[in-house]
Amino acid sequence: MTILVTGSAGFIGANLVLRLLDSAEPLHVVGLDNLNSYYDPSLKEYRLDQIQQKAKSQQTIAGHL
């Protein structure tokens, strides 16, 4: 199953992605975030690093819907 999470570098989105990756069911998680500077970009980069360390099947796309 593939799941798209928008805002995946934000607080809620990143925590959702981490929870999905902990799921017993095999999932492919695609994260979409525009990585703007409204919040500190280093926080977003830190969250994406956490996700990348845990991910087996995860993809992050920087962009806008």
PDB file of N, CA and C in Angstrom:
ATOM      1  N   MET A   1       0.847  -1.169   0.000  1.00  0.00           N
ATOM      2  CA  MET A   1       0.000   0.000   0.000  1.00  0.00           C
ATOM      3  C   MET A   1       0.897   1.238   0.000  1.00  0.00           C
ATOM      4  N   THR A   2       0.519   2.248  -0.758  1.00  0.00           N
ATOM      5  CA  THR A   2       1.246   3.509  -0.811  1.00  0.00           C
ATOM      6  C   THR A   2       0.404   4.593  -0.161  1.00  0.00           C
ATOM      7  N   ILE A   3       1.045   5.386   0.698  1.00  0.00           N
ATOM      8  CA  ILE A   3       0.352   6.469   1.400  1.00  0.00           C
ATOM      9  C   ILE A   3       1.095   7.768   1.138  1.00  0.00           C
ATOM     10  N   LEU A   4       0.353   8.823   0.772  1.00  0.00           N
ATOM     11  CA  LEU A   4       0.903  10.157   0.565  1.00  0.00           C
ATOM     12  C   LEU A   4       0.643  10.991   1.813  1.00  0.00           C
ATOM     13  N   VAL A   5       1.701  11.585   2.370  1.00  0.00           N
ATOM     14  CA  VAL A   5       1.569  12.472   3.527  1.00  0.00           C
ATOM     15  C   VAL A   5       2.042  13.847   3.103  1.00  0.00           C
ATOM     16  N   THR A   6       1.133  14.813   3.097  1.00  0.00           N
ATOM     17  CA  THR A   6       1.520  16.181   2.779  1.00  0.00           C
ATOM     18  C   THR A   6       2.008  16.867   4.052  1.00  0.00           C
ATOM     19  N   GLY A   7       2.955  17.774   3.914  1.00  0.00           N
ATOM     20  CA  GLY A   7       3.521  18.442   5.083  1.00  0.00           C
ATOM     21  C   GLY A   7       4.383  17.491   5.902  1.00  0.00           C
ATOM     22  N   SER A   8       5.065  16.587   5.235  1.00  0.00           N
ATOM     23  CA  SER A   8       5.782  15.508   5.928  1.00  0.00           C
ATOM     24  C   SER A   8       7.014  15.968   6.705  1.00  0.00           C
ATOM     25  N   ALA A   9       7.460  17.193   6.511  1.00  0.00           N
ATOM     26  CA  ALA A   9       8.597  17.697   7.286  1.00  0.00           C
ATOM     27  C   ALA A   9       8.135  18.533   8.478  1.00  0.00           C
ATOM     28  N   GLY A  10       6.836  18.787   8.574  1.00  0.00           N
ATOM     29  CA  GLY A  10       6.283  19.519   9.710  1.00  0.00           C
ATOM     30  C   GLY A  10       6.110  18.614  10.913  1.00  0.00           C
ATOM     31  N   PHE A  11       5.721  19.182  12.018  1.00  0.00           N
ATOM     32  CA  PHE A  11       5.589  18.421  13.265  1.00  0.00           C
ATOM     33  C   PHE A  11       4.588  17.279  13.141  1.00  0.00           C
ATOM     34  N   ILE A  12       3.385  17.583  12.705  1.00  0.00           N
ATOM     35  CA  ILE A  12       2.341  16.558  12.610  1.00  0.00           C
ATOM     36  C   ILE A  12       2.656  15.566  11.504  1.00  0.00           C
ATOM     37  N   GLY A  13       3.025  16.063  10.339  1.00  0.00           N
ATOM     38  CA  GLY A  13       3.315  15.177   9.210  1.00  0.00           C
ATOM     39  C   GLY A  13       4.470  14.230   9.483  1.00  0.00           C
ATOM     40  N   ALA A  14       5.543  14.736  10.078  1.00  0.00           N
ATOM     41  CA  ALA A  14       6.710  13.897  10.367  1.00  0.00           C
ATOM     42  C   ALA A  14       6.353  12.814  11.381  1.00  0.00           C
ATOM     43  N   ASN A  15       5.590  13.168  12.396  1.00  0.00           N
ATOM     44  CA  ASN A  15       5.189  12.173  13.386  1.00  0.00           C
ATOM     45  C   ASN A  15       4.244  11.143  12.786  1.00  0.00           C
ATOM     46  N   LEU A  16       3.390  11.570  11.876  1.00  0.00           N
ATOM     47  CA  LEU A  16       2.518  10.622  11.187  1.00  0.00           C
ATOM     48  C   LEU A  16       3.345   9.646  10.351  1.00  0.00           C
ATOM     49  N   VAL A  17       4.311  10.160   9.614  1.00  0.00           N
ATOM     50  CA  VAL A  17       5.170   9.296   8.796  1.00  0.00           C
ATOM     51  C   VAL A  17       5.902   8.284   9.681  1.00  0.00           C
ATOM     52  N   LEU A  18       6.450   8.749  10.800  1.00  0.00           N
ATOM     53  CA  LEU A  18       7.163   7.843  11.705  1.00  0.00           C
ATOM     54  C   LEU A  18       6.236   6.755  12.243  1.00  0.00           C
ATOM     55  N   ARG A  19       5.013   7.117  12.576  1.00  0.00           N
ATOM     56  CA  ARG A  19       4.034   6.128  13.058  1.00  0.00           C
ATOM     57  C   ARG A  19       3.681   5.130  11.961  1.00  0.00           C
ATOM     58  N   LEU A  20       3.495   5.628  10.747  1.00  0.00           N
ATOM     59  CA  LEU A  20       3.177   4.735   9.631  1.00  0.00           C
ATOM     60  C   LEU A  20       4.324   3.759   9.378  1.00  0.00           C
ATOM     61  N   LEU A  21       5.546   4.243   9.508  1.00  0.00           N
ATOM     62  CA  LEU A  21       6.701   3.372   9.292  1.00  0.00           C
ATOM     63  C   LEU A  21       6.822   2.312  10.380  1.00  0.00           C
ATOM     64  N   ASP A  22       6.252   2.565  11.556  1.00  0.00           N
ATOM     65  CA  ASP A  22       6.250   1.581  12.642  1.00  0.00           C
ATOM     66  C   ASP A  22       5.157   0.536  12.468  1.00  0.00           C
ATOM     67  N   SER A  23       4.282   0.753  11.512  1.00  0.00           N
ATOM     68  CA  SER A  23       3.152  -0.145  11.290  1.00  0.00           C
ATOM     69  C   SER A  23       3.629  -1.560  10.960  1.00  0.00           C
ATOM     70  N   ALA A  24       2.865  -2.543  11.384  1.00  0.00           N
ATOM     71  CA  ALA A  24       3.194  -3.944  11.094  1.00  0.00           C
ATOM     72  C   ALA A  24       2.973  -4.266   9.615  1.00  0.00           C
ATOM     73  N   GLU A  25       2.053  -3.530   9.003  1.00  0.00           N
ATOM     74  CA  GLU A  25       1.752  -3.743   7.585  1.00  0.00           C
ATOM     75  C   GLU A  25       2.828  -3.079   6.729  1.00  0.00           C
ATOM     76  N   PRO A  26       3.309  -3.741   5.683  1.00  0.00           N
ATOM     77  CA  PRO A  26       4.322  -3.103   4.823  1.00  0.00           C
ATOM     78  C   PRO A  26       3.707  -1.937   4.036  1.00  0.00           C
ATOM     79  N   LEU A  27       4.270  -0.760   4.209  1.00  0.00           N
ATOM     80  CA  LEU A  27       3.750   0.446   3.560  1.00  0.00           C
ATOM     81  C   LEU A  27       4.847   1.152   2.787  1.00  0.00           C
ATOM     82  N   HIS A  28       4.475   1.812   1.706  1.00  0.00           N
ATOM     83  CA  HIS A  28       5.363   2.722   0.989  1.00  0.00           C
ATOM     84  C   HIS A  28       4.820   4.124   1.286  1.00  0.00           C
ATOM     85  N   VAL A  29       5.610   4.934   1.963  1.00  0.00           N
ATOM     86  CA  VAL A  29       5.168   6.271   2.358  1.00  0.00           C
ATOM     87  C   VAL A  29       5.855   7.296   1.462  1.00  0.00           C
ATOM     88  N   VAL A  30       5.047   8.158   0.845  1.00  0.00           N
ATOM     89  CA  VAL A  30       5.556   9.262   0.040  1.00  0.00           C
ATOM     90  C   VAL A  30       5.250  10.543   0.801  1.00  0.00           C
ATOM     91  N   GLY A  31       6.286  11.294   1.156  1.00  0.00           N
ATOM     92  CA  GLY A  31       6.109  12.557   1.858  1.00  0.00           C
ATOM     93  C   GLY A  31       6.262  13.722   0.903  1.00  0.00           C
ATOM     94  N   LEU A  32       5.376  14.694   1.007  1.00  0.00           N
ATOM     95  CA  LEU A  32       5.429  15.893   0.177  1.00  0.00           C
ATOM     96  C   LEU A  32       5.478  17.099   1.101  1.00  0.00           C
ATOM     97  N   ASP A  33       6.465  17.957   0.903  1.00  0.00           N
ATOM     98  CA  ASP A  33       6.582  19.169   1.710  1.00  0.00           C
ATOM     99  C   ASP A  33       7.268  20.228   0.866  1.00  0.00           C
ATOM    100  N   ASN A  34       6.813  21.468   0.976  1.00  0.00           N
ATOM    101  CA  ASN A  34       7.444  22.534   0.192  1.00  0.00           C
ATOM    102  C   ASN A  34       8.693  23.092   0.877  1.00  0.00           C
ATOM    103  N   LEU A  35       8.964  22.660   2.092  1.00  0.00           N
ATOM    104  CA  LEU A  35      10.181  23.040   2.829  1.00  0.00           C
ATOM    105  C   LEU A  35      10.398  24.560   2.860  1.00  0.00           C
ATOM    106  N   ASN A  36       9.311  25.294   3.039  1.00  0.00           N
ATOM    107  CA  ASN A  36       9.438  26.750   3.104  1.00  0.00           C
ATOM    108  C   ASN A  36      10.089  27.173   4.424  1.00  0.00           C
ATOM    109  N   SER A  37      10.368  28.444   4.551  1.00  0.00           N
ATOM    110  CA  SER A  37      11.075  28.931   5.743  1.00  0.00           C
ATOM    111  C   SER A  37      10.130  29.528   6.792  1.00  0.00           C
ATOM    112  N   TYR A  38       8.832  29.209   6.714  1.00  0.00           N
ATOM    113  CA  TYR A  38       7.886  29.716   7.710  1.00  0.00           C
ATOM    114  C   TYR A  38       8.296  29.249   9.099  1.00  0.00           C
ATOM    115  N   TYR A  39       8.680  27.969   9.203  1.00  0.00           N
ATOM    116  CA  TYR A  39       9.306  27.439  10.418  1.00  0.00           C
ATOM    117  C   TYR A  39      10.770  27.199  10.099  1.00  0.00           C
ATOM    118  N   ASP A  40      11.587  27.092  11.115  1.00  0.00           N
ATOM    119  CA  ASP A  40      13.020  26.898  10.958  1.00  0.00           C
ATOM    120  C   ASP A  40      13.321  25.699  10.042  1.00  0.00           C
ATOM    121  N   PRO A  41      13.960  25.932   8.894  1.00  0.00           N
ATOM    122  CA  PRO A  41      14.267  24.838   7.967  1.00  0.00           C
ATOM    123  C   PRO A  41      15.154  23.749   8.585  1.00  0.00           C
ATOM    124  N   SER A  42      15.981  24.107   9.561  1.00  0.00           N
ATOM    125  CA  SER A  42      16.833  23.083  10.180  1.00  0.00           C
ATOM    126  C   SER A  42      15.992  22.075  10.965  1.00  0.00           C
ATOM    127  N   LEU A  43      14.865  22.508  11.524  1.00  0.00           N
ATOM    128  CA  LEU A  43      13.946  21.571  12.184  1.00  0.00           C
ATOM    129  C   LEU A  43      13.357  20.584  11.177  1.00  0.00           C
ATOM    130  N   LYS A  44      12.991  21.100  10.023  1.00  0.00           N
ATOM    131  CA  LYS A  44      12.428  20.234   8.988  1.00  0.00           C
ATOM    132  C   LYS A  44      13.476  19.242   8.483  1.00  0.00           C
ATOM    133  N   GLU A  45      14.708  19.708   8.310  1.00  0.00           N
ATOM    134  CA  GLU A  45      15.777  18.816   7.870  1.00  0.00           C
ATOM    135  C   GLU A  45      16.044  17.740   8.918  1.00  0.00           C
ATOM    136  N   TYR A  46      16.001  18.104  10.194  1.00  0.00           N
ATOM    137  CA  TYR A  46      16.192  17.140  11.281  1.00  0.00           C
ATOM    138  C   TYR A  46      15.109  16.065  11.247  1.00  0.00           C
ATOM    139  N   ARG A  47      13.859  16.499  11.064  1.00  0.00           N
ATOM    140  CA  ARG A  47      12.751  15.540  11.015  1.00  0.00           C
ATOM    141  C   ARG A  47      12.888  14.600   9.819  1.00  0.00           C
ATOM    142  N   LEU A  48      13.278  15.153   8.672  1.00  0.00           N
ATOM    143  CA  LEU A  48      13.462  14.313   7.494  1.00  0.00           C
ATOM    144  C   LEU A  48      14.603  13.319   7.693  1.00  0.00           C
ATOM    145  N   ASP A  49      15.658  13.731   8.402  1.00  0.00           N
ATOM    146  CA  ASP A  49      16.755  12.811   8.721  1.00  0.00           C
ATOM    147  C   ASP A  49      16.264  11.670   9.612  1.00  0.00           C
ATOM    148  N   GLN A  50      15.419  11.995  10.600  1.00  0.00           N
ATOM    149  CA  GLN A  50      14.850  10.959  11.473  1.00  0.00           C
ATOM    150  C   GLN A  50      14.041   9.954  10.652  1.00  0.00           C
ATOM    151  N   ILE A  51      13.251  10.469   9.732  1.00  0.00           N
ATOM    152  CA  ILE A  51      12.433   9.601   8.885  1.00  0.00           C
ATOM    153  C   ILE A  51      13.333   8.732   8.017  1.00  0.00           C
ATOM    154  N   GLN A  52      14.343   9.326   7.428  1.00  0.00           N
ATOM    155  CA  GLN A  52      15.233   8.586   6.539  1.00  0.00           C
ATOM    156  C   GLN A  52      15.950   7.452   7.268  1.00  0.00           C
ATOM    157  N   GLN A  53      16.327   7.680   8.513  1.00  0.00           N
ATOM    158  CA  GLN A  53      16.995   6.650   9.301  1.00  0.00           C
ATOM    159  C   GLN A  53      16.077   5.465   9.578  1.00  0.00           C
ATOM    160  N   LYS A  54      14.792   5.719   9.714  1.00  0.00           N
ATOM    161  CA  LYS A  54      13.833   4.668  10.055  1.00  0.00           C
ATOM    162  C   LYS A  54      13.241   3.996   8.814  1.00  0.00           C
ATOM    163  N   ALA A  55      13.278   4.684   7.696  1.00  0.00           N
ATOM    164  CA  ALA A  55      12.539   4.253   6.512  1.00  0.00           C
ATOM    165  C   ALA A  55      13.200   3.090   5.786  1.00  0.00           C
ATOM    166  N   LYS A  56      12.350   2.160   5.372  1.00  0.00           N
ATOM    167  CA  LYS A  56      12.758   1.126   4.430  1.00  0.00           C
ATOM    168  C   LYS A  56      12.190   1.474   3.061  1.00  0.00           C
ATOM    169  N   SER A  57      10.972   2.006   3.077  1.00  0.00           N
ATOM    170  CA  SER A  57      10.297   2.364   1.839  1.00  0.00           C
ATOM    171  C   SER A  57       9.603   3.702   2.044  1.00  0.00           C
ATOM    172  N   GLN A  58      10.350   4.761   1.879  1.00  0.00           N
ATOM    173  CA  GLN A  58       9.824   6.114   2.069  1.00  0.00           C
ATOM    174  C   GLN A  58      10.493   7.011   1.062  1.00  0.00           C
ATOM    175  N   GLN A  59       9.745   7.981   0.560  1.00  0.00           N
ATOM    176  CA  GLN A  59      10.266   8.917  -0.419  1.00  0.00           C
ATOM    177  C   GLN A  59       9.768  10.299  -0.032  1.00  0.00           C
ATOM    178  N   THR A  60      10.677  11.283  -0.029  1.00  0.00           N
ATOM    179  CA  THR A  60      10.273  12.659   0.255  1.00  0.00           C
ATOM    180  C   THR A  60      10.454  13.487  -1.001  1.00  0.00           C
ATOM    181  N   ILE A  61       9.434  14.274  -1.314  1.00  0.00           N
ATOM    182  CA  ILE A  61       9.454  15.140  -2.497  1.00  0.00           C
ATOM    183  C   ILE A  61       9.293  16.569  -2.013  1.00  0.00           C
ATOM    184  N   ALA A  62      10.221  17.435  -2.398  1.00  0.00           N
ATOM    185  CA  ALA A  62      10.095  18.852  -2.086  1.00  0.00           C
ATOM    186  C   ALA A  62       9.302  19.497  -3.225  1.00  0.00           C
ATOM    187  N   GLY A  63       8.137  20.060  -2.904  1.00  0.00           N
ATOM    188  CA  GLY A  63       7.322  20.666  -3.935  1.00  0.00           C
ATOM    189  C   GLY A  63       6.008  21.184  -3.401  1.00  0.00           C
ATOM    190  N   HIS A  64       5.209  21.714  -4.295  1.00  0.00           N
ATOM    191  CA  HIS A  64       3.908  22.287  -3.962  1.00  0.00           C
ATOM    192  C   HIS A  64       2.816  21.481  -4.666  1.00  0.00           C
ATOM    193  N   LEU A  65       1.638  21.424  -4.033  1.00  0.00           N
ATOM    194  CA  LEU A  65       0.470  20.819  -4.699  1.00  0.00           C
ATOM    195  C   LEU A  65      -0.191  21.838  -5.577  1.00  0.00           C
TER     196      LEU A  65
END
